[in-house]
Amino acid sequence: MPTVGTWTAPAPLAATHDLTIFESGEPALDHWLKTHARRNEGRGASRTYVVCNDDQVIGYYSLATGSVCSEQAPGRIRRNMPNPIPVMLLGRLAIDLAWQRRGIGKALLRDAIFRTATVAQLVGVKALMVHALSESARRFYEVHGFDPSPTHPRTLFLPIVLSSGELHRSTPHDRQVLRRDDFTAEDLKAVSAVEPSPQAAAFDDEIP
């Protein structure tokens, strides 16, 4: 796959997208994309969103609804919540090896947060949850504001709190408000030009 050119904004997986040469360095994630992503779409089990160069998929993530026992959630997630707690599961997130360290992982994560917040306006969703496959993946999510589970350190959570049409995202490093305008297609296509925090830059695209 060529390593020059542009990439598209994240979009739902379509029949025209070419998955055949995607290689992230994690065989399990490559196999899932090529074998299960479209099957799960048809069954309604998960939704997959992709970034492409032309029609070649160079990055993807998947979302599914779920729940978590309160004892497995960090304090700010379980506080004043029923048991189990409704969550959105970020099932997989991977970038093709030829396109890593360009900010695409950050773009996909931002898109997943925005889509989760949109769903949370319609149904109960307390947090975005992810199971990190490796220590580098765990660090990637932590520097982007996720809190580890007290019982499973590689299971992490980002709280979703809606107020006046805005998504409030609290991180260990700061507190900020992300608005709908922060997630335009142009912003996502040019995300590599956005300056991340020093901690995030160190792990950008070190994803599961």
N, C-alpha and C. Protein backbone atom coordinates (compact mmCIF):
# COMPACT_ATOMS: atom_id res chain seq x y z
N MET A 1 0.85 -1.19 0.00
CA MET A 1 0.00 0.00 0.00
C MET A 1 0.88 1.24 0.00
N PRO A 2 0.57 2.26 -0.81
CA PRO A 2 1.37 3.47 -0.81
C PRO A 2 1.24 4.21 0.50
N THR A 3 2.30 4.94 0.87
CA THR A 3 2.29 5.67 2.13
C THR A 3 2.19 7.17 1.92
N VAL A 4 1.79 7.60 0.73
CA VAL A 4 1.55 9.01 0.47
C VAL A 4 0.11 9.16 0.06
N GLY A 5 -0.40 10.40 0.16
CA GLY A 5 -1.78 10.65 -0.22
C GLY A 5 -2.61 11.07 0.97
N THR A 6 -3.91 11.09 0.77
CA THR A 6 -4.83 11.54 1.80
C THR A 6 -5.70 10.39 2.25
N TRP A 7 -6.42 10.64 3.35
CA TRP A 7 -7.36 9.64 3.81
C TRP A 7 -8.70 10.28 4.06
N THR A 8 -9.72 9.47 4.03
CA THR A 8 -11.09 9.96 4.19
C THR A 8 -11.42 10.15 5.66
N ALA A 9 -12.48 10.90 5.90
CA ALA A 9 -13.04 10.97 7.25
C ALA A 9 -13.62 9.60 7.60
N PRO A 10 -13.68 9.24 8.89
CA PRO A 10 -14.28 7.96 9.28
C PRO A 10 -15.72 7.84 8.77
N ALA A 11 -16.05 6.66 8.23
CA ALA A 11 -17.37 6.42 7.66
C ALA A 11 -17.75 4.97 7.89
N PRO A 12 -19.05 4.65 7.84
CA PRO A 12 -19.48 3.26 8.02
C PRO A 12 -18.87 2.34 6.96
N LEU A 13 -18.54 1.13 7.37
CA LEU A 13 -18.02 0.13 6.45
C LEU A 13 -19.05 -0.14 5.36
N ALA A 14 -18.58 -0.15 4.10
CA ALA A 14 -19.46 -0.36 2.95
C ALA A 14 -18.93 -1.50 2.08
N ALA A 15 -19.79 -1.97 1.18
CA ALA A 15 -19.41 -3.08 0.31
C ALA A 15 -18.26 -2.72 -0.61
N THR A 16 -18.09 -1.43 -0.91
CA THR A 16 -17.05 -0.99 -1.83
C THR A 16 -15.67 -0.90 -1.18
N HIS A 17 -15.60 -1.00 0.12
CA HIS A 17 -14.32 -0.87 0.81
C HIS A 17 -13.49 -2.15 0.66
N ASP A 18 -12.22 -1.99 0.34
CA ASP A 18 -11.30 -3.11 0.13
C ASP A 18 -10.56 -3.40 1.43
N LEU A 19 -10.75 -4.61 1.97
CA LEU A 19 -10.13 -5.02 3.22
C LEU A 19 -8.95 -5.97 3.02
N THR A 20 -8.68 -6.36 1.79
CA THR A 20 -7.84 -7.53 1.53
C THR A 20 -6.40 -7.37 1.98
N ILE A 21 -5.82 -6.17 1.89
CA ILE A 21 -4.40 -6.04 2.21
C ILE A 21 -4.17 -5.32 3.53
N PHE A 22 -5.21 -5.13 4.31
CA PHE A 22 -5.05 -4.46 5.61
C PHE A 22 -4.16 -5.30 6.52
N GLU A 23 -3.14 -4.66 7.10
CA GLU A 23 -2.23 -5.36 8.01
C GLU A 23 -1.79 -4.39 9.10
N SER A 24 -2.23 -4.62 10.32
CA SER A 24 -1.97 -3.70 11.43
C SER A 24 -0.80 -4.12 12.31
N GLY A 25 -0.32 -5.35 12.14
CA GLY A 25 0.67 -5.88 13.06
C GLY A 25 0.06 -6.73 14.16
N GLU A 26 -1.26 -6.73 14.25
CA GLU A 26 -1.99 -7.58 15.20
C GLU A 26 -2.86 -8.53 14.39
N PRO A 27 -2.41 -9.77 14.15
CA PRO A 27 -3.16 -10.69 13.29
C PRO A 27 -4.62 -10.87 13.69
N ALA A 28 -4.91 -10.87 14.99
CA ALA A 28 -6.29 -11.06 15.42
C ALA A 28 -7.19 -9.92 14.95
N LEU A 29 -6.66 -8.70 14.96
CA LEU A 29 -7.45 -7.55 14.52
C LEU A 29 -7.62 -7.55 13.00
N ASP A 30 -6.59 -7.97 12.28
CA ASP A 30 -6.69 -8.07 10.83
C ASP A 30 -7.72 -9.14 10.44
N HIS A 31 -7.65 -10.28 11.11
CA HIS A 31 -8.57 -11.39 10.82
C HIS A 31 -10.00 -10.97 11.10
N TRP A 32 -10.23 -10.28 12.22
CA TRP A 32 -11.60 -9.87 12.55
C TRP A 32 -12.16 -8.95 11.48
N LEU A 33 -11.37 -7.98 11.04
CA LEU A 33 -11.85 -7.05 10.03
C LEU A 33 -12.23 -7.78 8.74
N LYS A 34 -11.37 -8.69 8.30
CA LYS A 34 -11.58 -9.35 7.01
C LYS A 34 -12.64 -10.45 7.07
N THR A 35 -12.84 -11.04 8.24
CA THR A 35 -13.71 -12.22 8.35
C THR A 35 -15.04 -11.93 9.03
N HIS A 36 -15.03 -11.04 10.02
CA HIS A 36 -16.21 -10.88 10.86
C HIS A 36 -16.90 -9.52 10.77
N ALA A 37 -16.20 -8.49 10.31
CA ALA A 37 -16.78 -7.14 10.37
C ALA A 37 -18.09 -7.05 9.58
N ARG A 38 -18.08 -7.52 8.34
CA ARG A 38 -19.30 -7.42 7.52
C ARG A 38 -20.38 -8.39 8.01
N ARG A 39 -19.97 -9.54 8.49
CA ARG A 39 -20.94 -10.49 9.04
C ARG A 39 -21.65 -9.89 10.25
N ASN A 40 -20.88 -9.25 11.12
CA ASN A 40 -21.48 -8.62 12.29
C ASN A 40 -22.40 -7.47 11.92
N GLU A 41 -22.04 -6.74 10.86
CA GLU A 41 -22.92 -5.68 10.37
C GLU A 41 -24.29 -6.25 10.01
N GLY A 42 -24.28 -7.34 9.25
CA GLY A 42 -25.53 -7.94 8.82
C GLY A 42 -26.37 -8.47 9.96
N ARG A 43 -25.73 -8.94 11.00
CA ARG A 43 -26.44 -9.50 12.15
C ARG A 43 -26.83 -8.44 13.18
N GLY A 44 -26.33 -7.22 13.01
CA GLY A 44 -26.62 -6.18 13.98
C GLY A 44 -25.83 -6.31 15.26
N ALA A 45 -24.71 -7.06 15.22
CA ALA A 45 -23.91 -7.29 16.42
C ALA A 45 -22.97 -6.14 16.73
N SER A 46 -22.49 -5.47 15.70
CA SER A 46 -21.59 -4.33 15.89
C SER A 46 -21.62 -3.47 14.64
N ARG A 47 -21.07 -2.27 14.76
CA ARG A 47 -20.93 -1.37 13.63
C ARG A 47 -19.46 -1.01 13.49
N THR A 48 -18.97 -1.04 12.25
CA THR A 48 -17.56 -0.77 11.98
C THR A 48 -17.44 0.51 11.16
N TYR A 49 -16.48 1.34 11.53
CA TYR A 49 -16.21 2.60 10.84
C TYR A 49 -14.78 2.58 10.36
N VAL A 50 -14.56 3.07 9.14
CA VAL A 50 -13.26 2.93 8.50
C VAL A 50 -12.75 4.26 7.98
N VAL A 51 -11.43 4.34 7.87
CA VAL A 51 -10.73 5.42 7.18
C VAL A 51 -10.04 4.78 5.98
N CYS A 52 -10.11 5.45 4.83
CA CYS A 52 -9.60 4.85 3.59
C CYS A 52 -8.65 5.77 2.85
N ASN A 53 -7.77 5.16 2.07
CA ASN A 53 -7.02 5.82 1.02
C ASN A 53 -7.56 5.27 -0.28
N ASP A 54 -8.25 6.12 -1.04
CA ASP A 54 -9.11 5.63 -2.13
C ASP A 54 -10.13 4.67 -1.50
N ASP A 55 -10.19 3.43 -1.96
CA ASP A 55 -11.13 2.47 -1.36
C ASP A 55 -10.43 1.48 -0.43
N GLN A 56 -9.12 1.62 -0.25
CA GLN A 56 -8.38 0.73 0.62
C GLN A 56 -8.55 1.16 2.07
N VAL A 57 -9.02 0.25 2.91
CA VAL A 57 -9.16 0.55 4.33
C VAL A 57 -7.78 0.61 4.97
N ILE A 58 -7.49 1.73 5.65
CA ILE A 58 -6.19 1.90 6.31
C ILE A 58 -6.34 2.03 7.83
N GLY A 59 -7.58 2.08 8.31
CA GLY A 59 -7.83 2.13 9.75
C GLY A 59 -9.29 1.86 10.01
N TYR A 60 -9.58 1.31 11.19
CA TYR A 60 -10.98 1.03 11.52
C TYR A 60 -11.17 0.93 13.02
N TYR A 61 -12.43 1.06 13.42
CA TYR A 61 -12.83 0.72 14.79
C TYR A 61 -14.24 0.16 14.74
N SER A 62 -14.63 -0.54 15.80
CA SER A 62 -15.99 -1.08 15.88
C SER A 62 -16.64 -0.66 17.19
N LEU A 63 -17.95 -0.52 17.16
CA LEU A 63 -18.74 -0.16 18.33
C LEU A 63 -19.88 -1.15 18.52
N ALA A 64 -20.18 -1.44 19.77
CA ALA A 64 -21.34 -2.26 20.14
C ALA A 64 -21.80 -1.82 21.52
N THR A 65 -23.08 -1.97 21.78
CA THR A 65 -23.58 -1.64 23.11
C THR A 65 -23.28 -2.78 24.07
N GLY A 66 -23.22 -2.44 25.35
CA GLY A 66 -22.94 -3.46 26.35
C GLY A 66 -23.22 -2.94 27.74
N SER A 67 -22.77 -3.68 28.73
CA SER A 67 -22.92 -3.27 30.13
C SER A 67 -21.76 -3.84 30.92
N VAL A 68 -21.54 -3.28 32.10
CA VAL A 68 -20.44 -3.72 32.95
C VAL A 68 -20.91 -3.73 34.40
N CYS A 69 -20.48 -4.73 35.15
CA CYS A 69 -20.81 -4.79 36.58
C CYS A 69 -20.17 -3.61 37.29
N SER A 70 -20.88 -3.03 38.23
CA SER A 70 -20.41 -1.81 38.87
C SER A 70 -19.06 -1.99 39.54
N GLU A 71 -18.78 -3.17 40.10
CA GLU A 71 -17.51 -3.37 40.80
C GLU A 71 -16.32 -3.36 39.85
N GLN A 72 -16.57 -3.53 38.54
CA GLN A 72 -15.49 -3.51 37.56
C GLN A 72 -15.23 -2.11 37.02
N ALA A 73 -16.06 -1.14 37.36
CA ALA A 73 -15.96 0.20 36.81
C ALA A 73 -15.23 1.13 37.78
N PRO A 74 -14.49 2.12 37.26
CA PRO A 74 -13.87 3.13 38.12
C PRO A 74 -14.92 3.92 38.88
N GLY A 75 -14.49 4.57 39.95
CA GLY A 75 -15.42 5.28 40.82
C GLY A 75 -16.27 6.30 40.11
N ARG A 76 -15.68 7.10 39.22
CA ARG A 76 -16.47 8.15 38.56
C ARG A 76 -17.46 7.58 37.54
N ILE A 77 -17.30 6.31 37.17
CA ILE A 77 -18.26 5.67 36.28
C ILE A 77 -19.40 5.05 37.08
N ARG A 78 -19.11 4.40 38.19
CA ARG A 78 -20.15 3.68 38.92
C ARG A 78 -20.94 4.58 39.87
N ARG A 79 -20.45 5.78 40.17
CA ARG A 79 -21.11 6.64 41.14
C ARG A 79 -22.54 6.97 40.71
N ASN A 80 -23.50 6.67 41.59
CA ASN A 80 -24.92 6.96 41.38
C ASN A 80 -25.50 6.25 40.16
N MET A 81 -24.92 5.12 39.78
CA MET A 81 -25.40 4.38 38.63
C MET A 81 -25.96 3.03 39.06
N PRO A 82 -26.92 2.49 38.28
CA PRO A 82 -27.45 1.14 38.57
C PRO A 82 -26.41 0.08 38.25
N ASN A 83 -26.71 -1.14 38.65
CA ASN A 83 -25.85 -2.28 38.36
C ASN A 83 -26.65 -3.31 37.56
N PRO A 84 -26.23 -3.63 36.31
CA PRO A 84 -25.02 -3.21 35.62
C PRO A 84 -25.14 -1.80 35.02
N ILE A 85 -24.01 -1.27 34.60
CA ILE A 85 -23.92 0.08 34.05
C ILE A 85 -23.92 0.00 32.53
N PRO A 86 -24.78 0.76 31.84
CA PRO A 86 -24.80 0.73 30.37
C PRO A 86 -23.58 1.44 29.79
N VAL A 87 -22.94 0.81 28.82
CA VAL A 87 -21.75 1.37 28.18
C VAL A 87 -21.80 1.13 26.68
N MET A 88 -20.95 1.86 25.98
CA MET A 88 -20.64 1.57 24.58
C MET A 88 -19.27 0.91 24.56
N LEU A 89 -19.17 -0.21 23.85
CA LEU A 89 -17.91 -0.95 23.77
C LEU A 89 -17.16 -0.59 22.50
N LEU A 90 -15.97 -0.05 22.68
CA LEU A 90 -15.05 0.16 21.55
C LEU A 90 -14.33 -1.16 21.35
N GLY A 91 -14.90 -1.99 20.48
CA GLY A 91 -14.46 -3.37 20.39
C GLY A 91 -13.08 -3.55 19.80
N ARG A 92 -12.77 -2.78 18.76
CA ARG A 92 -11.48 -2.90 18.09
C ARG A 92 -11.12 -1.56 17.49
N LEU A 93 -9.81 -1.28 17.44
CA LEU A 93 -9.31 -0.06 16.81
C LEU A 93 -7.91 -0.38 16.30
N ALA A 94 -7.70 -0.25 14.99
CA ALA A 94 -6.41 -0.64 14.41
C ALA A 94 -6.11 0.20 13.18
N ILE A 95 -4.81 0.42 12.94
CA ILE A 95 -4.32 1.18 11.80
C ILE A 95 -3.36 0.31 11.00
N ASP A 96 -3.44 0.38 9.67
CA ASP A 96 -2.50 -0.34 8.82
C ASP A 96 -1.07 0.12 9.13
N LEU A 97 -0.12 -0.83 9.11
CA LEU A 97 1.26 -0.52 9.45
C LEU A 97 1.83 0.63 8.63
N ALA A 98 1.48 0.69 7.35
CA ALA A 98 2.04 1.71 6.47
C ALA A 98 1.52 3.11 6.79
N TRP A 99 0.47 3.19 7.61
CA TRP A 99 -0.16 4.48 7.89
C TRP A 99 -0.12 4.85 9.36
N GLN A 100 0.62 4.12 10.15
CA GLN A 100 0.67 4.42 11.58
C GLN A 100 1.51 5.66 11.86
N ARG A 101 1.27 6.26 13.05
CA ARG A 101 1.96 7.45 13.53
C ARG A 101 1.70 8.66 12.65
N ARG A 102 0.48 8.78 12.16
CA ARG A 102 0.06 9.95 11.37
C ARG A 102 -1.15 10.64 11.99
N GLY A 103 -1.55 10.22 13.18
CA GLY A 103 -2.72 10.82 13.81
C GLY A 103 -4.02 10.15 13.47
N ILE A 104 -3.98 9.06 12.69
CA ILE A 104 -5.23 8.40 12.31
C ILE A 104 -5.87 7.72 13.51
N GLY A 105 -5.06 7.15 14.39
CA GLY A 105 -5.61 6.55 15.60
C GLY A 105 -6.36 7.56 16.43
N LYS A 106 -5.80 8.74 16.56
CA LYS A 106 -6.46 9.82 17.30
C LYS A 106 -7.77 10.21 16.62
N ALA A 107 -7.75 10.30 15.28
CA ALA A 107 -8.97 10.65 14.55
C ALA A 107 -10.07 9.63 14.77
N LEU A 108 -9.72 8.35 14.72
CA LEU A 108 -10.72 7.31 14.93
C LEU A 108 -11.26 7.34 16.35
N LEU A 109 -10.39 7.57 17.33
CA LEU A 109 -10.86 7.63 18.71
C LEU A 109 -11.79 8.82 18.91
N ARG A 110 -11.45 9.97 18.36
CA ARG A 110 -12.33 11.14 18.45
C ARG A 110 -13.69 10.84 17.82
N ASP A 111 -13.67 10.17 16.68
CA ASP A 111 -14.92 9.84 16.00
C ASP A 111 -15.75 8.89 16.85
N ALA A 112 -15.11 7.91 17.47
CA ALA A 112 -15.83 6.97 18.33
C ALA A 112 -16.46 7.68 19.52
N ILE A 113 -15.75 8.64 20.11
CA ILE A 113 -16.29 9.42 21.22
C ILE A 113 -17.51 10.21 20.76
N PHE A 114 -17.41 10.85 19.62
CA PHE A 114 -18.53 11.64 19.11
C PHE A 114 -19.74 10.77 18.82
N ARG A 115 -19.54 9.64 18.17
CA ARG A 115 -20.68 8.77 17.86
C ARG A 115 -21.31 8.22 19.14
N THR A 116 -20.48 7.92 20.13
CA THR A 116 -21.01 7.45 21.42
C THR A 116 -21.84 8.53 22.08
N ALA A 117 -21.36 9.77 22.04
CA ALA A 117 -22.12 10.88 22.61
C ALA A 117 -23.44 11.08 21.89
N THR A 118 -23.44 10.89 20.58
CA THR A 118 -24.68 11.03 19.81
C THR A 118 -25.69 9.97 20.23
N VAL A 119 -25.24 8.73 20.38
CA VAL A 119 -26.13 7.66 20.85
C VAL A 119 -26.63 7.96 22.26
N ALA A 120 -25.76 8.51 23.10
CA ALA A 120 -26.12 8.79 24.49
C ALA A 120 -27.20 9.86 24.62
N GLN A 121 -27.45 10.62 23.56
CA GLN A 121 -28.56 11.56 23.56
C GLN A 121 -29.90 10.86 23.40
N LEU A 122 -29.88 9.60 22.95
CA LEU A 122 -31.11 8.86 22.68
C LEU A 122 -31.34 7.74 23.68
N VAL A 123 -30.29 7.09 24.16
CA VAL A 123 -30.41 5.98 25.10
C VAL A 123 -29.35 6.15 26.19
N GLY A 124 -29.49 5.39 27.27
CA GLY A 124 -28.54 5.50 28.36
C GLY A 124 -27.19 4.89 28.03
N VAL A 125 -26.16 5.71 28.05
CA VAL A 125 -24.78 5.25 27.88
C VAL A 125 -23.92 6.07 28.84
N LYS A 126 -23.32 5.43 29.81
CA LYS A 126 -22.52 6.14 30.80
C LYS A 126 -21.09 6.37 30.36
N ALA A 127 -20.52 5.43 29.60
CA ALA A 127 -19.10 5.52 29.28
C ALA A 127 -18.78 4.76 28.00
N LEU A 128 -17.64 5.10 27.43
CA LEU A 128 -17.05 4.32 26.34
C LEU A 128 -16.03 3.38 26.98
N MET A 129 -16.17 2.08 26.74
CA MET A 129 -15.32 1.07 27.36
C MET A 129 -14.47 0.38 26.30
N VAL A 130 -13.23 0.06 26.65
CA VAL A 130 -12.33 -0.63 25.73
C VAL A 130 -11.51 -1.65 26.49
N HIS A 131 -11.21 -2.77 25.82
CA HIS A 131 -10.30 -3.78 26.36
C HIS A 131 -8.99 -3.67 25.57
N ALA A 132 -7.95 -3.15 26.20
CA ALA A 132 -6.66 -2.98 25.53
C ALA A 132 -5.93 -4.32 25.42
N LEU A 133 -5.38 -4.59 24.23
CA LEU A 133 -4.71 -5.87 24.00
C LEU A 133 -3.28 -5.89 24.53
N SER A 134 -2.69 -4.72 24.75
CA SER A 134 -1.29 -4.66 25.15
C SER A 134 -1.06 -3.50 26.09
N GLU A 135 0.14 -3.45 26.68
CA GLU A 135 0.48 -2.34 27.57
C GLU A 135 0.58 -1.03 26.80
N SER A 136 1.12 -1.06 25.58
CA SER A 136 1.19 0.17 24.79
C SER A 136 -0.20 0.67 24.45
N ALA A 137 -1.12 -0.25 24.17
CA ALA A 137 -2.50 0.15 23.90
C ALA A 137 -3.13 0.75 25.15
N ARG A 138 -2.87 0.14 26.31
CA ARG A 138 -3.40 0.69 27.56
C ARG A 138 -2.91 2.11 27.77
N ARG A 139 -1.62 2.37 27.53
CA ARG A 139 -1.08 3.72 27.71
C ARG A 139 -1.71 4.69 26.73
N PHE A 140 -1.95 4.24 25.49
CA PHE A 140 -2.60 5.10 24.49
C PHE A 140 -3.94 5.60 25.01
N TYR A 141 -4.75 4.69 25.54
CA TYR A 141 -6.06 5.10 26.02
C TYR A 141 -5.97 5.94 27.29
N GLU A 142 -5.04 5.63 28.17
CA GLU A 142 -4.92 6.40 29.41
C GLU A 142 -4.54 7.85 29.13
N VAL A 143 -3.60 8.08 28.20
CA VAL A 143 -3.21 9.46 27.91
C VAL A 143 -4.30 10.21 27.16
N HIS A 144 -5.29 9.49 26.64
CA HIS A 144 -6.44 10.14 26.02
C HIS A 144 -7.64 10.19 26.96
N GLY A 145 -7.41 10.00 28.26
CA GLY A 145 -8.44 10.28 29.25
C GLY A 145 -9.19 9.10 29.81
N PHE A 146 -8.87 7.88 29.40
CA PHE A 146 -9.57 6.69 29.91
C PHE A 146 -9.03 6.31 31.29
N ASP A 147 -9.93 5.83 32.15
CA ASP A 147 -9.57 5.33 33.47
C ASP A 147 -9.58 3.80 33.47
N PRO A 148 -8.58 3.16 34.10
CA PRO A 148 -8.58 1.70 34.16
C PRO A 148 -9.58 1.16 35.16
N SER A 149 -10.07 -0.03 34.89
CA SER A 149 -10.93 -0.75 35.83
C SER A 149 -10.12 -1.11 37.07
N PRO A 150 -10.74 -1.06 38.27
CA PRO A 150 -10.02 -1.47 39.48
C PRO A 150 -9.75 -2.97 39.53
N THR A 151 -10.46 -3.75 38.73
CA THR A 151 -10.27 -5.20 38.75
C THR A 151 -9.56 -5.73 37.51
N HIS A 152 -9.61 -5.00 36.39
CA HIS A 152 -8.98 -5.43 35.15
C HIS A 152 -8.25 -4.23 34.54
N PRO A 153 -6.96 -4.05 34.81
CA PRO A 153 -6.24 -2.83 34.41
C PRO A 153 -6.27 -2.53 32.92
N ARG A 154 -6.44 -3.55 32.07
CA ARG A 154 -6.49 -3.30 30.63
C ARG A 154 -7.90 -3.06 30.12
N THR A 155 -8.87 -3.03 31.01
CA THR A 155 -10.21 -2.57 30.65
C THR A 155 -10.32 -1.13 31.13
N LEU A 156 -10.63 -0.23 30.19
CA LEU A 156 -10.61 1.19 30.50
C LEU A 156 -11.92 1.85 30.10
N PHE A 157 -12.20 2.99 30.73
CA PHE A 157 -13.48 3.68 30.56
C PHE A 157 -13.27 5.18 30.38
N LEU A 158 -14.03 5.77 29.46
CA LEU A 158 -14.10 7.22 29.30
C LEU A 158 -15.54 7.65 29.58
N PRO A 159 -15.79 8.46 30.61
CA PRO A 159 -17.17 8.85 30.92
C PRO A 159 -17.75 9.76 29.86
N ILE A 160 -19.03 9.56 29.57
CA ILE A 160 -19.76 10.39 28.62
C ILE A 160 -20.82 11.14 29.41
N VAL A 161 -20.70 12.47 29.48
CA VAL A 161 -21.66 13.30 30.22
C VAL A 161 -22.17 14.37 29.28
N LEU A 162 -23.48 14.38 29.05
CA LEU A 162 -24.08 15.33 28.12
C LEU A 162 -24.72 16.47 28.89
N SER A 163 -24.51 17.68 28.38
CA SER A 163 -25.10 18.87 28.99
C SER A 163 -25.25 19.93 27.92
N SER A 164 -26.49 20.38 27.69
CA SER A 164 -26.76 21.45 26.74
C SER A 164 -26.20 21.14 25.35
N GLY A 165 -26.34 19.88 24.94
CA GLY A 165 -25.90 19.50 23.61
C GLY A 165 -24.40 19.35 23.47
N GLU A 166 -23.65 19.36 24.57
CA GLU A 166 -22.21 19.26 24.51
C GLU A 166 -21.74 17.98 25.17
N LEU A 167 -20.60 17.51 24.75
CA LEU A 167 -19.97 16.34 25.35
C LEU A 167 -18.87 16.82 26.26
N HIS A 168 -18.99 16.55 27.56
CA HIS A 168 -17.95 16.92 28.51
C HIS A 168 -17.06 15.70 28.70
N ARG A 169 -15.79 15.90 28.51
CA ARG A 169 -14.83 14.81 28.66
C ARG A 169 -13.82 15.19 29.73
N SER A 170 -13.84 14.50 30.86
CA SER A 170 -12.87 14.75 31.91
C SER A 170 -11.69 13.81 31.73
N THR A 171 -10.49 14.33 31.82
CA THR A 171 -9.29 13.52 31.70
C THR A 171 -8.45 13.71 32.95
N PRO A 172 -7.49 12.81 33.19
CA PRO A 172 -6.60 12.99 34.34
C PRO A 172 -5.77 14.26 34.23
N HIS A 173 -5.63 14.80 32.99
CA HIS A 173 -4.73 15.93 32.78
C HIS A 173 -5.47 17.26 32.72
N ASP A 174 -6.70 17.26 32.29
CA ASP A 174 -7.44 18.51 32.16
C ASP A 174 -8.92 18.22 32.05
N ARG A 175 -9.71 19.27 31.88
CA ARG A 175 -11.14 19.15 31.63
C ARG A 175 -11.45 20.04 30.44
N GLN A 176 -12.15 19.51 29.48
CA GLN A 176 -12.47 20.29 28.31
C GLN A 176 -13.86 19.93 27.84
N VAL A 177 -14.42 20.78 26.98
CA VAL A 177 -15.73 20.54 26.40
C VAL A 177 -15.55 20.35 24.90
N LEU A 178 -15.99 19.22 24.38
CA LEU A 178 -15.93 18.94 22.96
C LEU A 178 -17.31 19.16 22.37
N ARG A 179 -17.39 20.03 21.37
CA ARG A 179 -18.66 20.34 20.72
C ARG A 179 -18.76 19.59 19.40
N ARG A 180 -19.96 19.56 18.86
CA ARG A 180 -20.19 18.88 17.59
C ARG A 180 -19.27 19.42 16.51
N ASP A 181 -19.00 20.73 16.53
CA ASP A 181 -18.16 21.32 15.50
C ASP A 181 -16.72 20.81 15.54
N ASP A 182 -16.32 20.23 16.68
CA ASP A 182 -14.96 19.71 16.78
C ASP A 182 -14.77 18.45 15.95
N PHE A 183 -15.85 17.90 15.42
CA PHE A 183 -15.77 16.60 14.76
C PHE A 183 -16.23 16.68 13.31
N THR A 184 -15.95 17.81 12.64
CA THR A 184 -16.29 17.91 11.24
C THR A 184 -15.40 16.98 10.42
N ALA A 185 -15.86 16.67 9.21
CA ALA A 185 -15.06 15.80 8.34
C ALA A 185 -13.70 16.42 8.05
N GLU A 186 -13.66 17.73 7.87
CA GLU A 186 -12.38 18.38 7.56
C GLU A 186 -11.42 18.27 8.74
N ASP A 187 -11.96 18.42 9.94
CA ASP A 187 -11.13 18.28 11.14
C ASP A 187 -10.54 16.88 11.22
N LEU A 188 -11.35 15.87 10.95
CA LEU A 188 -10.88 14.49 11.06
C LEU A 188 -9.89 14.15 9.97
N LYS A 189 -10.08 14.71 8.78
CA LYS A 189 -9.14 14.44 7.69
C LYS A 189 -7.79 15.10 7.96
N ALA A 190 -7.80 16.23 8.67
CA ALA A 190 -6.57 16.97 8.91
C ALA A 190 -6.07 16.80 10.34
N VAL A 191 -6.51 15.74 11.00
CA VAL A 191 -6.21 15.61 12.42
C VAL A 191 -4.72 15.52 12.70
N SER A 192 -3.93 15.10 11.72
CA SER A 192 -2.49 15.01 11.96
C SER A 192 -1.88 16.38 12.18
N ALA A 193 -2.59 17.44 11.80
CA ALA A 193 -2.09 18.80 12.01
C ALA A 193 -2.45 19.34 13.38
N VAL A 194 -3.28 18.62 14.12
CA VAL A 194 -3.69 19.05 15.45
C VAL A 194 -2.60 18.69 16.43
N GLU A 195 -2.22 19.63 17.29
CA GLU A 195 -1.17 19.37 18.26
C GLU A 195 -1.73 18.59 19.43
N PRO A 196 -1.31 17.34 19.65
CA PRO A 196 -1.75 16.59 20.82
C PRO A 196 -0.93 16.99 22.03
N SER A 197 -1.34 16.52 23.20
CA SER A 197 -0.55 16.74 24.39
C SER A 197 0.77 15.99 24.26
N PRO A 198 1.83 16.39 24.98
CA PRO A 198 3.10 15.65 24.90
C PRO A 198 2.94 14.18 25.25
N GLN A 199 2.08 13.87 26.24
CA GLN A 199 1.90 12.46 26.61
C GLN A 199 1.22 11.70 25.48
N ALA A 200 0.20 12.31 24.88
CA ALA A 200 -0.52 11.63 23.80
C ALA A 200 0.36 11.43 22.58
N ALA A 201 1.21 12.43 22.28
CA ALA A 201 2.07 12.32 21.11
C ALA A 201 3.01 11.14 21.21
N ALA A 202 3.43 10.81 22.42
CA ALA A 202 4.38 9.72 22.61
C ALA A 202 3.79 8.37 22.24
N PHE A 203 2.46 8.25 22.33
CA PHE A 203 1.82 6.95 22.11
C PHE A 203 0.84 6.99 20.95
N ASP A 204 0.78 8.09 20.19
CA ASP A 204 -0.22 8.19 19.14
C ASP A 204 -0.08 7.03 18.16
N ASP A 205 -1.17 6.34 17.95
CA ASP A 205 -1.27 5.18 17.06
C ASP A 205 -0.65 3.92 17.65
N GLU A 206 -0.23 3.93 18.93
CA GLU A 206 0.14 2.67 19.58
C GLU A 206 -1.13 2.06 20.13
N ILE A 207 -1.89 1.47 19.22
CA ILE A 207 -3.23 1.05 19.54
C ILE A 207 -3.34 -0.45 19.41
N PRO A 208 -4.40 -1.05 19.99
CA PRO A 208 -4.52 -2.50 19.93
C PRO A 208 -4.72 -3.00 18.52
